[in-house]
Amino acid sequence: MGIAVVYQSQTGSTKKVAEAILGELPEGSVLAPMDLCDTLEGYDFAFVGFPLHAFGPDEIAKGFLSNVAAGHCIALFVTHASPESDGPPLQEWLQACREAAAGSDVIGMFDCRGQLAEPVKKQLLASDDPQLRAWAEADDSEGQPDAERLQKAAAWARQMMSMVGPH
């Protein structure tokens, strides 16, 4: 079974999750940055990961999901700097990720806290929106994802593999 782990990462957070996932996969599975992966042909399954940008996937991730991942069996993994794991805003943003992958057979989704990129933090601090400024001021995401979150990503990868068949 050919398996790819395709990711996009700005601060290294999503890459750490991708590497944790890869560590649970059969030998021969491939790790590839999203901008270097133009096809999933030849793969039976792919893990596709990216950080949230502006409350959903950015244009690169949307393009990958609609042009490359469409029609394939995938599992999504998303990193974000939100401290709330179940809050309504985060769930809406994750729903935007699911919607961007609507052309694929998505069998699961994992999200975890990652580190807020410094340029994004500066933009939020300069925003006219008091909620965005407050989020940036309260940011304590440095060093995320931590070891516990990476272990959860690995466990999730094992669960996804049990759903896609023998490997």
C-alpha atoms as a PDB file:
ATOM      1  CA  MET A   1       0.000   0.000   0.000  1.00  0.00           C
ATOM      2  CA  GLY A   2       1.519   3.322  -1.062  1.00  0.00           C
ATOM      3  CA  ILE A   3       1.094   6.035   1.559  1.00  0.00           C
ATOM      4  CA  ALA A   4       2.068   9.691   1.320  1.00  0.00           C
ATOM      5  CA  VAL A   5       2.260  12.309   4.057  1.00  0.00           C
ATOM      6  CA  VAL A   6       1.976  15.686   2.359  1.00  0.00           C
ATOM      7  CA  TYR A   7       2.272  18.841   4.416  1.00  0.00           C
ATOM      8  CA  GLN A   8       2.630  22.596   4.345  1.00  0.00           C
ATOM      9  CA  SER A   9       4.391  24.274   7.275  1.00  0.00           C
ATOM     10  CA  GLN A  10       5.218  27.871   8.120  1.00  0.00           C
ATOM     11  CA  THR A  11       6.794  27.582  11.581  1.00  0.00           C
ATOM     12  CA  GLY A  12       7.720  23.878  11.491  1.00  0.00           C
ATOM     13  CA  SER A  13       4.704  22.845  13.603  1.00  0.00           C
ATOM     14  CA  THR A  14       2.872  21.014  10.826  1.00  0.00           C
ATOM     15  CA  LYS A  15       6.103  19.364   9.695  1.00  0.00           C
ATOM     16  CA  LYS A  16       6.597  17.981  13.241  1.00  0.00           C
ATOM     17  CA  VAL A  17       3.102  16.482  13.123  1.00  0.00           C
ATOM     18  CA  ALA A  18       3.790  15.070   9.641  1.00  0.00           C
ATOM     19  CA  GLU A  19       6.979  13.421  10.931  1.00  0.00           C
ATOM     20  CA  ALA A  20       5.110  11.951  13.924  1.00  0.00           C
ATOM     21  CA  ILE A  21       2.547  10.491  11.524  1.00  0.00           C
ATOM     22  CA  LEU A  22       5.237   9.129   9.205  1.00  0.00           C
ATOM     23  CA  GLY A  23       6.822   7.352  12.168  1.00  0.00           C
ATOM     24  CA  GLU A  24       3.703   5.191  12.492  1.00  0.00           C
ATOM     25  CA  LEU A  25       3.482   4.203   8.833  1.00  0.00           C
ATOM     26  CA  PRO A  26       4.898   1.212   6.986  1.00  0.00           C
ATOM     27  CA  GLU A  27       8.398   1.402   5.577  1.00  0.00           C
ATOM     28  CA  GLY A  28       8.412   3.027   2.158  1.00  0.00           C
ATOM     29  CA  SER A  29       5.819   5.661   3.032  1.00  0.00           C
ATOM     30  CA  VAL A  30       6.729   9.077   1.649  1.00  0.00           C
ATOM     31  CA  LEU A  31       6.957  12.494   3.340  1.00  0.00           C
ATOM     32  CA  ALA A  32       6.620  15.448   0.930  1.00  0.00           C
ATOM     33  CA  PRO A  33       6.188  19.195   1.243  1.00  0.00           C
ATOM     34  CA  MET A  34       2.912  20.218  -0.396  1.00  0.00           C
ATOM     35  CA  ASP A  35       4.575  22.595  -2.854  1.00  0.00           C
ATOM     36  CA  LEU A  36       6.691  19.728  -4.216  1.00  0.00           C
ATOM     37  CA  CYS A  37       3.847  17.225  -4.581  1.00  0.00           C
ATOM     38  CA  ASP A  38       1.824  17.561  -7.778  1.00  0.00           C
ATOM     39  CA  THR A  39       0.148  14.151  -7.796  1.00  0.00           C
ATOM     40  CA  LEU A  40      -1.141  11.430  -5.499  1.00  0.00           C
ATOM     41  CA  GLU A  41      -1.253   8.893  -8.319  1.00  0.00           C
ATOM     42  CA  GLY A  42       0.363   5.666  -7.193  1.00  0.00           C
ATOM     43  CA  TYR A  43      -0.653   6.196  -3.566  1.00  0.00           C
ATOM     44  CA  ASP A  44      -3.514   4.294  -2.010  1.00  0.00           C
ATOM     45  CA  PHE A  45      -3.861   6.766   0.836  1.00  0.00           C
ATOM     46  CA  ALA A  46      -2.521  10.165   1.872  1.00  0.00           C
ATOM     47  CA  PHE A  47      -2.308  12.194   5.035  1.00  0.00           C
ATOM     48  CA  VAL A  48      -2.617  15.879   4.092  1.00  0.00           C
ATOM     49  CA  GLY A  49      -1.661  18.583   6.574  1.00  0.00           C
ATOM     50  CA  PHE A  50      -1.476  22.349   6.752  1.00  0.00           C
ATOM     51  CA  PRO A  51      -1.801  25.184   9.264  1.00  0.00           C
ATOM     52  CA  LEU A  52      -4.859  27.377   9.565  1.00  0.00           C
ATOM     53  CA  HIS A  53      -4.383  30.705   7.803  1.00  0.00           C
ATOM     54  CA  ALA A  54      -6.996  33.444   8.109  1.00  0.00           C
ATOM     55  CA  PHE A  55      -9.545  31.051   9.640  1.00  0.00           C
ATOM     56  CA  GLY A  56      -9.135  28.159   7.181  1.00  0.00           C
ATOM     57  CA  PRO A  57      -6.749  26.637   4.660  1.00  0.00           C
ATOM     58  CA  ASP A  58      -4.699  29.089   2.606  1.00  0.00           C
ATOM     59  CA  GLU A  59      -4.794  29.206  -1.200  1.00  0.00           C
ATOM     60  CA  ILE A  60      -1.948  26.688  -1.571  1.00  0.00           C
ATOM     61  CA  ALA A  61      -3.730  24.133   0.625  1.00  0.00           C
ATOM     62  CA  LYS A  62      -7.086  24.801  -1.072  1.00  0.00           C
ATOM     63  CA  GLY A  63      -5.470  24.327  -4.471  1.00  0.00           C
ATOM     64  CA  PHE A  64      -3.809  21.089  -3.402  1.00  0.00           C
ATOM     65  CA  LEU A  65      -7.044  19.743  -1.970  1.00  0.00           C
ATOM     66  CA  SER A  66      -9.130  20.621  -5.026  1.00  0.00           C
ATOM     67  CA  ASN A  67      -6.578  19.797  -7.741  1.00  0.00           C
ATOM     68  CA  VAL A  68      -4.314  17.052  -6.381  1.00  0.00           C
ATOM     69  CA  ALA A  69      -6.180  15.321  -3.537  1.00  0.00           C
ATOM     70  CA  ALA A  70      -9.608  15.350  -5.208  1.00  0.00           C
ATOM     71  CA  GLY A  71     -10.866  11.829  -5.771  1.00  0.00           C
ATOM     72  CA  HIS A  72      -8.353  10.279  -3.376  1.00  0.00           C
ATOM     73  CA  CYS A  73      -8.774   8.720   0.050  1.00  0.00           C
ATOM     74  CA  ILE A  74      -7.151  11.074   2.567  1.00  0.00           C
ATOM     75  CA  ALA A  75      -6.965  12.034   6.211  1.00  0.00           C
ATOM     76  CA  LEU A  76      -6.504  15.698   7.140  1.00  0.00           C
ATOM     77  CA  PHE A  77      -4.283  17.064   9.887  1.00  0.00           C
ATOM     78  CA  VAL A  78      -4.383  20.739  10.779  1.00  0.00           C
ATOM     79  CA  THR A  79      -2.297  22.863  13.125  1.00  0.00           C
ATOM     80  CA  HIS A  80      -3.437  26.128  14.667  1.00  0.00           C
ATOM     81  CA  ALA A  81      -2.438  28.510  17.428  1.00  0.00           C
ATOM     82  CA  SER A  82      -5.864  28.516  19.029  1.00  0.00           C
ATOM     83  CA  PRO A  83      -5.796  27.590  22.718  1.00  0.00           C
ATOM     84  CA  GLU A  84      -9.447  26.504  22.516  1.00  0.00           C
ATOM     85  CA  SER A  85      -9.806  22.973  21.227  1.00  0.00           C
ATOM     86  CA  ASP A  86     -13.574  22.866  21.192  1.00  0.00           C
ATOM     87  CA  GLY A  87     -14.564  26.522  20.939  1.00  0.00           C
ATOM     88  CA  PRO A  88     -17.038  27.589  18.267  1.00  0.00           C
ATOM     89  CA  PRO A  89     -14.583  29.739  16.279  1.00  0.00           C
ATOM     90  CA  LEU A  90     -12.061  26.906  15.948  1.00  0.00           C
ATOM     91  CA  GLN A  91     -14.738  24.401  14.957  1.00  0.00           C
ATOM     92  CA  GLU A  92     -15.927  26.788  12.214  1.00  0.00           C
ATOM     93  CA  TRP A  93     -12.361  27.140  10.929  1.00  0.00           C
ATOM     94  CA  LEU A  94     -11.873  23.372  10.907  1.00  0.00           C
ATOM     95  CA  GLN A  95     -15.156  23.010   9.035  1.00  0.00           C
ATOM     96  CA  ALA A  96     -13.703  25.292   6.338  1.00  0.00           C
ATOM     97  CA  CYS A  97     -10.860  22.762   6.017  1.00  0.00           C
ATOM     98  CA  ARG A  98     -13.314  19.884   5.643  1.00  0.00           C
ATOM     99  CA  GLU A  99     -15.224  21.841   3.006  1.00  0.00           C
ATOM    100  CA  ALA A 100     -12.026  22.549   1.051  1.00  0.00           C
ATOM    101  CA  ALA A 101     -11.463  18.762   0.920  1.00  0.00           C
ATOM    102  CA  ALA A 102     -15.020  17.979  -0.188  1.00  0.00           C
ATOM    103  CA  GLY A 103     -13.779  16.430  -3.450  1.00  0.00           C
ATOM    104  CA  SER A 104     -11.823  13.766  -1.552  1.00  0.00           C
ATOM    105  CA  ASP A 105     -12.861  10.765   0.502  1.00  0.00           C
ATOM    106  CA  VAL A 106     -11.859  12.143   3.920  1.00  0.00           C
ATOM    107  CA  ILE A 107     -11.811   9.336   6.475  1.00  0.00           C
ATOM    108  CA  GLY A 108     -10.618  11.395   9.428  1.00  0.00           C
ATOM    109  CA  MET A 109      -9.284  14.689  10.677  1.00  0.00           C
ATOM    110  CA  PHE A 110      -6.823  15.586  13.416  1.00  0.00           C
ATOM    111  CA  ASP A 111      -6.054  19.033  14.729  1.00  0.00           C
ATOM    112  CA  CYS A 112      -3.631  20.251  17.318  1.00  0.00           C
ATOM    113  CA  ARG A 113      -2.024  23.374  18.583  1.00  0.00           C
ATOM    114  CA  GLY A 114       1.010  24.634  16.729  1.00  0.00           C
ATOM    115  CA  GLN A 115       3.147  27.710  17.090  1.00  0.00           C
ATOM    116  CA  LEU A 116       1.772  31.036  15.870  1.00  0.00           C
ATOM    117  CA  ALA A 117       4.048  32.432  13.156  1.00  0.00           C
ATOM    118  CA  GLU A 118       5.692  35.696  14.197  1.00  0.00           C
ATOM    119  CA  PRO A 119       4.577  37.610  11.052  1.00  0.00           C
ATOM    120  CA  VAL A 120       0.987  36.514  11.693  1.00  0.00           C
ATOM    121  CA  LYS A 121       1.249  37.580  15.324  1.00  0.00           C
ATOM    122  CA  LYS A 122       2.451  41.020  14.230  1.00  0.00           C
ATOM    123  CA  GLN A 123      -0.502  41.319  11.832  1.00  0.00           C
ATOM    124  CA  LEU A 124      -2.941  40.364  14.580  1.00  0.00           C
ATOM    125  CA  LEU A 125      -1.389  42.869  17.001  1.00  0.00           C
ATOM    126  CA  ALA A 126      -1.812  45.613  14.391  1.00  0.00           C
ATOM    127  CA  SER A 127      -5.413  44.665  13.613  1.00  0.00           C
ATOM    128  CA  ASP A 128      -8.354  46.996  14.154  1.00  0.00           C
ATOM    129  CA  ASP A 129     -10.259  43.999  15.550  1.00  0.00           C
ATOM    130  CA  PRO A 130      -9.935  43.947  19.362  1.00  0.00           C
ATOM    131  CA  GLN A 131     -10.540  40.156  19.487  1.00  0.00           C
ATOM    132  CA  LEU A 132      -7.645  39.490  17.099  1.00  0.00           C
ATOM    133  CA  ARG A 133      -5.354  41.790  19.096  1.00  0.00           C
ATOM    134  CA  ALA A 134      -6.372  40.057  22.334  1.00  0.00           C
ATOM    135  CA  TRP A 135      -5.584  36.622  20.842  1.00  0.00           C
ATOM    136  CA  ALA A 136      -2.141  37.809  19.767  1.00  0.00           C
ATOM    137  CA  GLU A 137      -1.438  39.392  23.145  1.00  0.00           C
ATOM    138  CA  ALA A 138      -2.423  36.178  24.945  1.00  0.00           C
ATOM    139  CA  ASP A 139      -0.442  33.932  22.584  1.00  0.00           C
ATOM    140  CA  ASP A 140       1.488  31.247  24.453  1.00  0.00           C
ATOM    141  CA  SER A 141       1.928  28.827  21.579  1.00  0.00           C
ATOM    142  CA  GLU A 142       5.735  28.868  21.431  1.00  0.00           C
ATOM    143  CA  GLY A 143       7.119  25.328  21.350  1.00  0.00           C
ATOM    144  CA  GLN A 144       3.888  23.756  20.135  1.00  0.00           C
ATOM    145  CA  PRO A 145       3.126  21.067  19.227  1.00  0.00           C
ATOM    146  CA  ASP A 146       4.527  19.557  22.405  1.00  0.00           C
ATOM    147  CA  ALA A 147       5.410  15.889  22.947  1.00  0.00           C
ATOM    148  CA  GLU A 148       1.904  15.029  24.166  1.00  0.00           C
ATOM    149  CA  ARG A 149       0.295  16.465  21.033  1.00  0.00           C
ATOM    150  CA  LEU A 150       2.771  14.629  18.816  1.00  0.00           C
ATOM    151  CA  GLN A 151       1.946  11.369  20.620  1.00  0.00           C
ATOM    152  CA  LYS A 152      -1.749  12.032  19.956  1.00  0.00           C
ATOM    153  CA  ALA A 153      -0.956  12.597  16.270  1.00  0.00           C
ATOM    154  CA  ALA A 154       0.903   9.274  16.148  1.00  0.00           C
ATOM    155  CA  ALA A 155      -2.009   7.454  17.817  1.00  0.00           C
ATOM    156  CA  TRP A 156      -4.420   9.062  15.353  1.00  0.00           C
ATOM    157  CA  ALA A 157      -2.233   7.918  12.435  1.00  0.00           C
ATOM    158  CA  ARG A 158      -2.383   4.328  13.729  1.00  0.00           C
ATOM    159  CA  GLN A 159      -6.174   4.623  13.974  1.00  0.00           C
ATOM    160  CA  MET A 160      -6.414   5.927  10.389  1.00  0.00           C
ATOM    161  CA  MET A 161      -4.225   3.093   9.139  1.00  0.00           C
ATOM    162  CA  SER A 162      -6.496   0.543  10.814  1.00  0.00           C
ATOM    163  CA  MET A 163      -9.376   2.012   8.803  1.00  0.00           C
ATOM    164  CA  VAL A 164      -7.722   1.871   5.374  1.00  0.00           C
ATOM    165  CA  GLY A 165      -6.788  -1.794   5.372  1.00  0.00           C
ATOM    166  CA  PRO A 166      -3.706  -3.998   5.424  1.00  0.00           C
ATOM    167  CA  HIS A 167      -0.307  -2.430   5.239  1.00  0.00           C
END
